[in-house]
PDB file of N, CA and C in Angstrom:
ATOM      1  N   MET A   1       0.823  -1.185   0.000  1.00  0.00           N
ATOM      2  CA  MET A   1       0.000   0.000   0.000  1.00  0.00           C
ATOM      3  C   MET A   1       0.872   1.255   0.000  1.00  0.00           C
ATOM      4  N   LYS A   2       1.931   1.237   0.838  1.00  0.00           N
ATOM      5  CA  LYS A   2       2.823   2.389   0.888  1.00  0.00           C
ATOM      6  C   LYS A   2       3.518   2.598  -0.454  1.00  0.00           C
ATOM      7  N   ALA A   3       3.855   1.495  -1.106  1.00  0.00           N
ATOM      8  CA  ALA A   3       4.530   1.592  -2.396  1.00  0.00           C
ATOM      9  C   ALA A   3       3.626   2.262  -3.438  1.00  0.00           C
ATOM     10  N   VAL A   4       2.339   1.962  -3.401  1.00  0.00           N
ATOM     11  CA  VAL A   4       1.383   2.561  -4.341  1.00  0.00           C
ATOM     12  C   VAL A   4       1.280   4.064  -4.103  1.00  0.00           C
ATOM     13  N   ILE A   5       1.211   4.467  -2.842  1.00  0.00           N
ATOM     14  CA  ILE A   5       1.109   5.885  -2.507  1.00  0.00           C
ATOM     15  C   ILE A   5       2.378   6.620  -2.927  1.00  0.00           C
ATOM     16  N   ILE A   6       3.521   6.041  -2.647  1.00  0.00           N
ATOM     17  CA  ILE A   6       4.797   6.664  -3.036  1.00  0.00           C
ATOM     18  C   ILE A   6       4.878   6.777  -4.552  1.00  0.00           C
ATOM     19  N   PHE A   7       4.480   5.734  -5.264  1.00  0.00           N
ATOM     20  CA  PHE A   7       4.497   5.747  -6.721  1.00  0.00           C
ATOM     21  C   PHE A   7       3.572   6.847  -7.266  1.00  0.00           C
ATOM     22  N   ALA A   8       2.389   6.990  -6.658  1.00  0.00           N
ATOM     23  CA  ALA A   8       1.443   8.021  -7.089  1.00  0.00           C
ATOM     24  C   ALA A   8       2.015   9.418  -6.851  1.00  0.00           C
ATOM     25  N   VAL A   9       2.668   9.634  -5.711  1.00  0.00           N
ATOM     26  CA  VAL A   9       3.276  10.935  -5.405  1.00  0.00           C
ATOM     27  C   VAL A   9       4.375  11.250  -6.408  1.00  0.00           C
ATOM     28  N   ILE A  10       5.188  10.265  -6.742  1.00  0.00           N
ATOM     29  CA  ILE A  10       6.264  10.476  -7.719  1.00  0.00           C
ATOM     30  C   ILE A  10       5.684  10.814  -9.088  1.00  0.00           C
ATOM     31  N   LEU A  11       4.645  10.107  -9.499  1.00  0.00           N
ATOM     32  CA  LEU A  11       4.015  10.404 -10.793  1.00  0.00           C
ATOM     33  C   LEU A  11       3.443  11.815 -10.818  1.00  0.00           C
ATOM     34  N   MET A  12       2.817  12.255  -9.727  1.00  0.00           N
ATOM     35  CA  MET A  12       2.269  13.608  -9.667  1.00  0.00           C
ATOM     36  C   MET A  12       3.381  14.640  -9.744  1.00  0.00           C
ATOM     37  N   ALA A  13       4.490  14.364  -9.092  1.00  0.00           N
ATOM     38  CA  ALA A  13       5.615  15.306  -9.118  1.00  0.00           C
ATOM     39  C   ALA A  13       6.151  15.456 -10.527  1.00  0.00           C
ATOM     40  N   PHE A  14       6.319  14.350 -11.250  1.00  0.00           N
ATOM     41  CA  PHE A  14       6.803  14.439 -12.622  1.00  0.00           C
ATOM     42  C   PHE A  14       5.787  15.101 -13.542  1.00  0.00           C
ATOM     43  N   GLY A  15       4.526  14.881 -13.280  1.00  0.00           N
ATOM     44  CA  GLY A  15       3.482  15.507 -14.096  1.00  0.00           C
ATOM     45  C   GLY A  15       3.473  17.017 -13.959  1.00  0.00           C
ATOM     46  N   THR A  16       3.714  17.523 -12.765  1.00  0.00           N
ATOM     47  CA  THR A  16       3.708  18.971 -12.575  1.00  0.00           C
ATOM     48  C   THR A  16       4.971  19.605 -13.126  1.00  0.00           C
ATOM     49  N   VAL A  17       6.085  18.914 -13.125  1.00  0.00           N
ATOM     50  CA  VAL A  17       7.333  19.467 -13.655  1.00  0.00           C
ATOM     51  C   VAL A  17       7.205  19.682 -15.159  1.00  0.00           C
ATOM     52  N   ASP A  18       6.578  18.746 -15.866  1.00  0.00           N
ATOM     53  CA  ASP A  18       6.421  18.895 -17.313  1.00  0.00           C
ATOM     54  C   ASP A  18       5.489  20.040 -17.678  1.00  0.00           C
ATOM     55  N   GLY A  19       4.556  20.379 -16.814  1.00  0.00           N
ATOM     56  CA  GLY A  19       3.585  21.422 -17.106  1.00  0.00           C
ATOM     57  C   GLY A  19       4.125  22.824 -16.959  1.00  0.00           C
ATOM     58  N   ILE A  20       5.256  22.988 -16.315  1.00  0.00           N
ATOM     59  CA  ILE A  20       5.815  24.314 -16.088  1.00  0.00           C
ATOM     60  C   ILE A  20       6.617  24.729 -17.312  1.00  0.00           C
ATOM     61  N   ALA A  21       6.371  25.949 -17.781  1.00  0.00           N
ATOM     62  CA  ALA A  21       7.086  26.437 -18.956  1.00  0.00           C
ATOM     63  C   ALA A  21       8.532  26.733 -18.593  1.00  0.00           C
ATOM     64  N   ALA A  22       9.433  26.335 -19.458  1.00  0.00           N
ATOM     65  CA  ALA A  22      10.852  26.613 -19.243  1.00  0.00           C
ATOM     66  C   ALA A  22      11.107  28.104 -19.451  1.00  0.00           C
ATOM     67  N   PRO A  23      12.178  28.627 -18.883  1.00  0.00           N
ATOM     68  CA  PRO A  23      12.480  30.047 -19.074  1.00  0.00           C
ATOM     69  C   PRO A  23      12.579  30.385 -20.563  1.00  0.00           C
ATOM     70  N   GLY A  24      11.932  31.447 -20.941  1.00  0.00           N
ATOM     71  CA  GLY A  24      11.944  31.864 -22.343  1.00  0.00           C
ATOM     72  C   GLY A  24      10.813  31.274 -23.163  1.00  0.00           C
ATOM     73  N   GLU A  25      10.138  30.260 -22.649  1.00  0.00           N
ATOM     74  CA  GLU A  25       9.017  29.669 -23.368  1.00  0.00           C
ATOM     75  C   GLU A  25       7.717  30.264 -22.859  1.00  0.00           C
ATOM     76  N   LYS A  26       6.699  30.173 -23.687  1.00  0.00           N
ATOM     77  CA  LYS A  26       5.397  30.718 -23.314  1.00  0.00           C
ATOM     78  C   LYS A  26       4.604  29.692 -22.535  1.00  0.00           C
ATOM     79  N   GLY A  27       3.842  30.164 -21.576  1.00  0.00           N
ATOM     80  CA  GLY A  27       2.970  29.292 -20.809  1.00  0.00           C
ATOM     81  C   GLY A  27       1.635  29.110 -21.503  1.00  0.00           C
ATOM     82  N   ALA A  28       0.759  28.396 -20.872  1.00  0.00           N
ATOM     83  CA  ALA A  28      -0.543  28.091 -21.457  1.00  0.00           C
ATOM     84  C   ALA A  28      -1.383  29.338 -21.661  1.00  0.00           C
ATOM     85  N   SER A  29      -1.369  30.272 -20.710  1.00  0.00           N
ATOM     86  CA  SER A  29      -2.214  31.454 -20.844  1.00  0.00           C
ATOM     87  C   SER A  29      -1.729  32.356 -21.974  1.00  0.00           C
ATOM     88  N   SER A  30      -0.425  32.454 -22.178  1.00  0.00           N
ATOM     89  CA  SER A  30       0.103  33.268 -23.270  1.00  0.00           C
ATOM     90  C   SER A  30      -0.292  32.680 -24.609  1.00  0.00           C
ATOM     91  N   THR A  31      -0.205  31.372 -24.710  1.00  0.00           N
ATOM     92  CA  THR A  31      -0.582  30.702 -25.945  1.00  0.00           C
ATOM     93  C   THR A  31      -2.074  30.860 -26.206  1.00  0.00           C
ATOM     94  N   ALA A  32      -2.876  30.758 -25.168  1.00  0.00           N
ATOM     95  CA  ALA A  32      -4.322  30.908 -25.322  1.00  0.00           C
ATOM     96  C   ALA A  32      -4.671  32.317 -25.783  1.00  0.00           C
ATOM     97  N   MET A  33      -3.989  33.332 -25.243  1.00  0.00           N
ATOM     98  CA  MET A  33      -4.263  34.713 -25.637  1.00  0.00           C
ATOM     99  C   MET A  33      -3.929  34.935 -27.115  1.00  0.00           C
ATOM    100  N   GLU A  34      -2.874  34.297 -27.602  1.00  0.00           N
ATOM    101  CA  GLU A  34      -2.513  34.444 -29.009  1.00  0.00           C
ATOM    102  C   GLU A  34      -3.566  33.829 -29.917  1.00  0.00           C
ATOM    103  N   LYS A  35      -4.159  32.740 -29.461  1.00  0.00           N
ATOM    104  CA  LYS A  35      -5.130  32.035 -30.291  1.00  0.00           C
ATOM    105  C   LYS A  35      -6.556  32.553 -30.110  1.00  0.00           C
ATOM    106  N   ALA A  36      -6.749  33.444 -29.156  1.00  0.00           N
ATOM    107  CA  ALA A  36      -8.082  34.007 -28.935  1.00  0.00           C
ATOM    108  C   ALA A  36      -8.470  34.846 -30.150  1.00  0.00           C
ATOM    109  N   SER A  37      -9.724  34.856 -30.463  1.00  0.00           N
ATOM    110  CA  SER A  37     -10.162  35.600 -31.630  1.00  0.00           C
ATOM    111  C   SER A  37     -11.328  36.507 -31.280  1.00  0.00           C
ATOM    112  N   ASP A  38     -11.545  37.453 -32.175  1.00  0.00           N
ATOM    113  CA  ASP A  38     -12.655  38.377 -32.006  1.00  0.00           C
ATOM    114  C   ASP A  38     -13.981  37.670 -32.264  1.00  0.00           C
ATOM    115  N   GLU A  39     -13.925  36.492 -32.840  1.00  0.00           N
ATOM    116  CA  GLU A  39     -15.132  35.755 -33.189  1.00  0.00           C
ATOM    117  C   GLU A  39     -15.512  34.749 -32.097  1.00  0.00           C
ATOM    118  N   ALA A  40     -15.256  35.077 -30.857  1.00  0.00           N
ATOM    119  CA  ALA A  40     -15.612  34.192 -29.755  1.00  0.00           C
ATOM    120  C   ALA A  40     -17.129  34.062 -29.674  1.00  0.00           C
ATOM    121  N   VAL A  41     -17.570  32.977 -29.091  1.00  0.00           N
ATOM    122  CA  VAL A  41     -18.998  32.676 -29.019  1.00  0.00           C
ATOM    123  C   VAL A  41     -19.759  33.804 -28.328  1.00  0.00           C
ATOM    124  N   PHE A  42     -19.223  34.319 -27.218  1.00  0.00           N
ATOM    125  CA  PHE A  42     -19.978  35.342 -26.500  1.00  0.00           C
ATOM    126  C   PHE A  42     -20.062  36.646 -27.298  1.00  0.00           C
ATOM    127  N   HIS A  43     -19.093  36.923 -28.184  1.00  0.00           N
ATOM    128  CA  HIS A  43     -19.195  38.099 -29.052  1.00  0.00           C
ATOM    129  C   HIS A  43     -20.281  37.880 -30.115  1.00  0.00           C
ATOM    130  N   ARG A  44     -20.285  36.681 -30.678  1.00  0.00           N
ATOM    131  CA  ARG A  44     -21.287  36.391 -31.708  1.00  0.00           C
ATOM    132  C   ARG A  44     -22.696  36.429 -31.128  1.00  0.00           C
ATOM    133  N   ILE A  45     -22.877  35.916 -29.930  1.00  0.00           N
ATOM    134  CA  ILE A  45     -24.207  35.937 -29.303  1.00  0.00           C
ATOM    135  C   ILE A  45     -24.629  37.372 -29.018  1.00  0.00           C
ATOM    136  N   GLY A  46     -23.700  38.178 -28.486  1.00  0.00           N
ATOM    137  CA  GLY A  46     -24.007  39.584 -28.228  1.00  0.00           C
ATOM    138  C   GLY A  46     -24.339  40.330 -29.503  1.00  0.00           C
ATOM    139  N   ASP A  47     -23.583  40.042 -30.565  1.00  0.00           N
ATOM    140  CA  ASP A  47     -23.866  40.669 -31.858  1.00  0.00           C
ATOM    141  C   ASP A  47     -25.236  40.249 -32.372  1.00  0.00           C
ATOM    142  N   TRP A  48     -25.577  38.992 -32.178  1.00  0.00           N
ATOM    143  CA  TRP A  48     -26.871  38.502 -32.640  1.00  0.00           C
ATOM    144  C   TRP A  48     -28.001  39.229 -31.912  1.00  0.00           C
ATOM    145  N   PHE A  49     -27.882  39.367 -30.578  1.00  0.00           N
ATOM    146  CA  PHE A  49     -28.914  40.080 -29.827  1.00  0.00           C
ATOM    147  C   PHE A  49     -28.996  41.544 -30.247  1.00  0.00           C
ATOM    148  N   ALA A  50     -27.860  42.152 -30.557  1.00  0.00           N
ATOM    149  CA  ALA A  50     -27.841  43.563 -30.933  1.00  0.00           C
ATOM    150  C   ALA A  50     -28.455  43.799 -32.306  1.00  0.00           C
ATOM    151  N   THR A  51     -28.481  42.762 -33.142  1.00  0.00           N
ATOM    152  CA  THR A  51     -28.968  42.954 -34.511  1.00  0.00           C
ATOM    153  C   THR A  51     -30.311  42.304 -34.794  1.00  0.00           C
ATOM    154  N   ILE A  52     -30.964  41.802 -33.774  1.00  0.00           N
ATOM    155  CA  ILE A  52     -32.285  41.186 -33.988  1.00  0.00           C
ATOM    156  C   ILE A  52     -33.246  42.245 -34.522  1.00  0.00           C
ATOM    157  N   GLY A  53     -33.936  41.904 -35.604  1.00  0.00           N
ATOM    158  CA  GLY A  53     -34.958  42.782 -36.159  1.00  0.00           C
ATOM    159  C   GLY A  53     -34.419  43.955 -36.968  1.00  0.00           C
ATOM    160  N   LYS A  54     -33.144  43.977 -37.275  1.00  0.00           N
ATOM    161  CA  LYS A  54     -32.549  45.075 -38.046  1.00  0.00           C
ATOM    162  C   LYS A  54     -32.419  44.657 -39.506  1.00  0.00           C
ATOM    163  N   SER A  55     -32.330  45.648 -40.370  1.00  0.00           N
ATOM    164  CA  SER A  55     -32.106  45.355 -41.782  1.00  0.00           C
ATOM    165  C   SER A  55     -30.660  44.895 -41.958  1.00  0.00           C
ATOM    166  N   ASP A  56     -30.358  44.321 -43.121  1.00  0.00           N
ATOM    167  CA  ASP A  56     -29.001  43.828 -43.380  1.00  0.00           C
ATOM    168  C   ASP A  56     -27.967  44.946 -43.286  1.00  0.00           C
ATOM    169  N   GLN A  57     -28.303  46.109 -43.795  1.00  0.00           N
ATOM    170  CA  GLN A  57     -27.374  47.239 -43.741  1.00  0.00           C
ATOM    171  C   GLN A  57     -27.119  47.659 -42.287  1.00  0.00           C
ATOM    172  N   GLU A  58     -28.183  47.752 -41.501  1.00  0.00           N
ATOM    173  CA  GLU A  58     -28.024  48.109 -40.085  1.00  0.00           C
ATOM    174  C   GLU A  58     -27.209  47.057 -39.335  1.00  0.00           C
ATOM    175  N   LYS A  59     -27.452  45.778 -39.660  1.00  0.00           N
ATOM    176  CA  LYS A  59     -26.695  44.707 -39.013  1.00  0.00           C
ATOM    177  C   LYS A  59     -25.205  44.860 -39.285  1.00  0.00           C
ATOM    178  N   GLN A  60     -24.848  45.098 -40.551  1.00  0.00           N
ATOM    179  CA  GLN A  60     -23.438  45.238 -40.897  1.00  0.00           C
ATOM    180  C   GLN A  60     -22.805  46.440 -40.206  1.00  0.00           C
ATOM    181  N   GLU A  61     -23.551  47.541 -40.104  1.00  0.00           N
ATOM    182  CA  GLU A  61     -23.031  48.727 -39.416  1.00  0.00           C
ATOM    183  C   GLU A  61     -22.803  48.449 -37.937  1.00  0.00           C
ATOM    184  N   ILE A  62     -23.769  47.814 -37.289  1.00  0.00           N
ATOM    185  CA  ILE A  62     -23.669  47.503 -35.860  1.00  0.00           C
ATOM    186  C   ILE A  62     -22.500  46.560 -35.599  1.00  0.00           C
ATOM    187  N   ILE A  63     -22.417  45.500 -36.403  1.00  0.00           N
ATOM    188  CA  ILE A  63     -21.332  44.531 -36.222  1.00  0.00           C
ATOM    189  C   ILE A  63     -19.977  45.191 -36.466  1.00  0.00           C
ATOM    190  N   GLY A  64     -19.903  46.045 -37.485  1.00  0.00           N
ATOM    191  CA  GLY A  64     -18.652  46.755 -37.753  1.00  0.00           C
ATOM    192  C   GLY A  64     -18.236  47.656 -36.599  1.00  0.00           C
ATOM    193  N   GLU A  65     -19.195  48.381 -36.033  1.00  0.00           N
ATOM    194  CA  GLU A  65     -18.905  49.252 -34.877  1.00  0.00           C
ATOM    195  C   GLU A  65     -18.431  48.437 -33.679  1.00  0.00           C
ATOM    196  N   ARG A  66     -19.113  47.318 -33.436  1.00  0.00           N
ATOM    197  CA  ARG A  66     -18.754  46.492 -32.289  1.00  0.00           C
ATOM    198  C   ARG A  66     -17.370  45.865 -32.470  1.00  0.00           C
ATOM    199  N   LYS A  67     -17.046  45.431 -33.697  1.00  0.00           N
ATOM    200  CA  LYS A  67     -15.719  44.865 -33.958  1.00  0.00           C
ATOM    201  C   LYS A  67     -14.639  45.925 -33.793  1.00  0.00           C
ATOM    202  N   ALA A  68     -14.912  47.132 -34.260  1.00  0.00           N
ATOM    203  CA  ALA A  68     -13.933  48.217 -34.117  1.00  0.00           C
ATOM    204  C   ALA A  68     -13.714  48.551 -32.639  1.00  0.00           C
ATOM    205  N   LYS A  69     -14.797  48.560 -31.879  1.00  0.00           N
ATOM    206  CA  LYS A  69     -14.680  48.837 -30.435  1.00  0.00           C
ATOM    207  C   LYS A  69     -13.859  47.749 -29.742  1.00  0.00           C
ATOM    208  N   ARG A  70     -14.112  46.481 -30.095  1.00  0.00           N
ATOM    209  CA  ARG A  70     -13.345  45.380 -29.504  1.00  0.00           C
ATOM    210  C   ARG A  70     -11.871  45.467 -29.871  1.00  0.00           C
ATOM    211  N   ALA A  71     -11.587  45.823 -31.133  1.00  0.00           N
ATOM    212  CA  ALA A  71     -10.191  45.951 -31.571  1.00  0.00           C
ATOM    213  C   ALA A  71      -9.484  47.068 -30.808  1.00  0.00           C
ATOM    214  N   ALA A  72     -10.173  48.185 -30.585  1.00  0.00           N
ATOM    215  CA  ALA A  72      -9.588  49.298 -29.839  1.00  0.00           C
ATOM    216  C   ALA A  72      -9.330  48.892 -28.385  1.00  0.00           C
ATOM    217  N   GLU A  73     -10.273  48.197 -27.788  1.00  0.00           N
ATOM    218  CA  GLU A  73     -10.097  47.741 -26.407  1.00  0.00           C
ATOM    219  C   GLU A  73      -8.946  46.747 -26.306  1.00  0.00           C
ATOM    220  N   ARG A  74      -8.838  45.852 -27.289  1.00  0.00           N
ATOM    221  CA  ARG A  74      -7.755  44.875 -27.297  1.00  0.00           C
ATOM    222  C   ARG A  74      -6.395  45.577 -27.432  1.00  0.00           C
ATOM    223  N   ALA A  75      -6.327  46.597 -28.296  1.00  0.00           N
ATOM    224  CA  ALA A  75      -5.085  47.358 -28.462  1.00  0.00           C
ATOM    225  C   ALA A  75      -4.730  48.095 -27.172  1.00  0.00           C
ATOM    226  N   ASP A  76      -5.731  48.651 -26.489  1.00  0.00           N
ATOM    227  CA  ASP A  76      -5.487  49.322 -25.209  1.00  0.00           C
ATOM    228  C   ASP A  76      -4.932  48.350 -24.171  1.00  0.00           C
ATOM    229  N   ARG A  77      -5.519  47.150 -24.109  1.00  0.00           N
ATOM    230  CA  ARG A  77      -5.036  46.155 -23.148  1.00  0.00           C
ATOM    231  C   ARG A  77      -3.608  45.735 -23.462  1.00  0.00           C
ATOM    232  N   GLN A  78      -3.300  45.545 -24.744  1.00  0.00           N
ATOM    233  CA  GLN A  78      -1.943  45.157 -25.124  1.00  0.00           C
ATOM    234  C   GLN A  78      -0.950  46.263 -24.805  1.00  0.00           C
ATOM    235  N   ALA A  79      -1.338  47.512 -25.034  1.00  0.00           N
ATOM    236  CA  ALA A  79      -0.458  48.636 -24.719  1.00  0.00           C
ATOM    237  C   ALA A  79      -0.230  48.727 -23.212  1.00  0.00           C
ATOM    238  N   GLU A  80      -1.274  48.504 -22.438  1.00  0.00           N
ATOM    239  CA  GLU A  80      -1.141  48.541 -20.977  1.00  0.00           C
ATOM    240  C   GLU A  80      -0.214  47.426 -20.499  1.00  0.00           C
ATOM    241  N   ARG A  81      -0.360  46.231 -21.078  1.00  0.00           N
ATOM    242  CA  ARG A  81       0.533  45.131 -20.710  1.00  0.00           C
ATOM    243  C   ARG A  81       1.979  45.464 -21.047  1.00  0.00           C
ATOM    244  N   ALA A  82       2.195  46.079 -22.210  1.00  0.00           N
ATOM    245  CA  ALA A  82       3.553  46.445 -22.614  1.00  0.00           C
ATOM    246  C   ALA A  82       4.127  47.499 -21.664  1.00  0.00           C
ATOM    247  N   ARG A  83       3.313  48.487 -21.274  1.00  0.00           N
ATOM    248  CA  ARG A  83       3.780  49.507 -20.322  1.00  0.00           C
ATOM    249  C   ARG A  83       4.130  48.880 -18.978  1.00  0.00           C
ATOM    250  N   GLU A  84       3.282  47.967 -18.518  1.00  0.00           N
ATOM    251  CA  GLU A  84       3.525  47.307 -17.234  1.00  0.00           C
ATOM    252  C   GLU A  84       4.791  46.454 -17.299  1.00  0.00           C
ATOM    253  N   LYS A  85       4.983  45.758 -18.395  1.00  0.00           N
ATOM    254  CA  LYS A  85       6.180  44.933 -18.551  1.00  0.00           C
ATOM    255  C   LYS A  85       7.431  45.810 -18.572  1.00  0.00           C
ATOM    256  N   ALA A  86       7.379  46.937 -19.277  1.00  0.00           N
ATOM    257  CA  ALA A  86       8.523  47.856 -19.323  1.00  0.00           C
ATOM    258  C   ALA A  86       8.803  48.433 -17.942  1.00  0.00           C
ATOM    259  N   ARG A  87       7.748  48.750 -17.199  1.00  0.00           N
ATOM    260  CA  ARG A  87       7.919  49.288 -15.841  1.00  0.00           C
ATOM    261  C   ARG A  87       8.592  48.261 -14.939  1.00  0.00           C
ATOM    262  N   ARG A  88       8.141  47.003 -15.018  1.00  0.00           N
ATOM    263  CA  ARG A  88       8.734  45.951 -14.195  1.00  0.00           C
ATOM    264  C   ARG A  88      10.201  45.726 -14.560  1.00  0.00           C
ATOM    265  N   GLN A  89      10.508  45.762 -15.852  1.00  0.00           N
ATOM    266  CA  GLN A  89      11.893  45.575 -16.272  1.00  0.00           C
ATOM    267  C   GLN A  89      12.764  46.731 -15.793  1.00  0.00           C
ATOM    268  N   ALA A  90      12.229  47.955 -15.830  1.00  0.00           N
ATOM    269  CA  ALA A  90      12.990  49.110 -15.354  1.00  0.00           C
ATOM    270  C   ALA A  90      13.238  48.998 -13.855  1.00  0.00           C
ATOM    271  N   GLU A  91      12.222  48.581 -13.102  1.00  0.00           N
ATOM    272  CA  GLU A  91      12.391  48.399 -11.656  1.00  0.00           C
ATOM    273  C   GLU A  91      13.431  47.327 -11.366  1.00  0.00           C
ATOM    274  N   LYS A  92      13.394  46.245 -12.128  1.00  0.00           N
ATOM    275  CA  LYS A  92      14.353  45.165 -11.939  1.00  0.00           C
ATOM    276  C   LYS A  92      15.769  45.655 -12.238  1.00  0.00           C
ATOM    277  N   ALA A  93      15.919  46.433 -13.298  1.00  0.00           N
ATOM    278  CA  ALA A  93      17.240  46.976 -13.639  1.00  0.00           C
ATOM    279  C   ALA A  93      17.721  47.934 -12.557  1.00  0.00           C
ATOM    280  N   ASN A  94      16.817  48.760 -12.013  1.00  0.00           N
ATOM    281  CA  ASN A  94      17.190  49.679 -10.935  1.00  0.00           C
ATOM    282  C   ASN A  94      17.636  48.931  -9.691  1.00  0.00           C
ATOM    283  N   ARG A  95      16.916  47.870  -9.346  1.00  0.00           N
ATOM    284  CA  ARG A  95      17.305  47.071  -8.187  1.00  0.00           C
ATOM    285  C   ARG A  95      18.672  46.436  -8.396  1.00  0.00           C
ATOM    286  N   LYS A  96      18.904  45.960  -9.621  1.00  0.00           N
ATOM    287  CA  LYS A  96      20.177  45.330  -9.931  1.00  0.00           C
ATOM    288  C   LYS A  96      21.306  46.355  -9.839  1.00  0.00           C
ATOM    289  N   MET A  97      21.059  47.568 -10.321  1.00  0.00           N
ATOM    290  CA  MET A  97      22.074  48.618 -10.275  1.00  0.00           C
ATOM    291  C   MET A  97      22.351  49.038  -8.819  1.00  0.00           C
ATOM    292  N   LYS A  98      21.309  49.142  -8.011  1.00  0.00           N
ATOM    293  CA  LYS A  98      21.488  49.503  -6.594  1.00  0.00           C
ATOM    294  C   LYS A  98      22.263  48.417  -5.879  1.00  0.00           C
ATOM    295  N   GLY A  99      21.956  47.163  -6.188  1.00  0.00           N
ATOM    296  CA  GLY A  99      22.666  46.031  -5.574  1.00  0.00           C
ATOM    297  C   GLY A  99      24.117  45.991  -5.981  1.00  0.00           C
ATOM    298  N   ALA A 100      24.423  46.370  -7.214  1.00  0.00           N
ATOM    299  CA  ALA A 100      25.805  46.356  -7.696  1.00  0.00           C
ATOM    300  C   ALA A 100      26.609  47.482  -7.040  1.00  0.00           C
ATOM    301  N   GLY A 101      25.967  48.586  -6.705  1.00  0.00           N
ATOM    302  CA  GLY A 101      26.652  49.715  -6.093  1.00  0.00           C
ATOM    303  C   GLY A 101      27.007  49.476  -4.626  1.00  0.00           C
ATOM    304  N   LYS A 102      26.317  48.553  -3.964  1.00  0.00           N
ATOM    305  CA  LYS A 102      26.562  48.284  -2.547  1.00  0.00           C
ATOM    306  C   LYS A 102      27.775  47.394  -2.319  1.00  0.00           C
ATOM    307  N   LYS A 103      28.199  46.700  -3.320  1.00  0.00           N
ATOM    308  CA  LYS A 103      29.319  45.751  -3.158  1.00  0.00           C
ATOM    309  C   LYS A 103      30.623  46.439  -2.990  1.00  0.00           C
TER     310      LYS A 103
END
């Protein structure tokens, strides 16, 4: 019985090691964000509700406006992530420089 438990613990340990992204590689969430699309189910459902009972021309205008708004929001989020990443890198460099000056 003890051997089975030890074997299970070892298997779990190896399973978690493989799941961790190596330095420089992308993790699961980064990969998922790259593959995410503007055509997600919840966007299509929202677009469908927004265009119920509209003419074809109105539908295309509404969908176009909503896609443009989503693209702008996505660009804002990416810019914010880039600013945050640059800020963290600058802080890390400052800490490294302060640490080097103390030696």
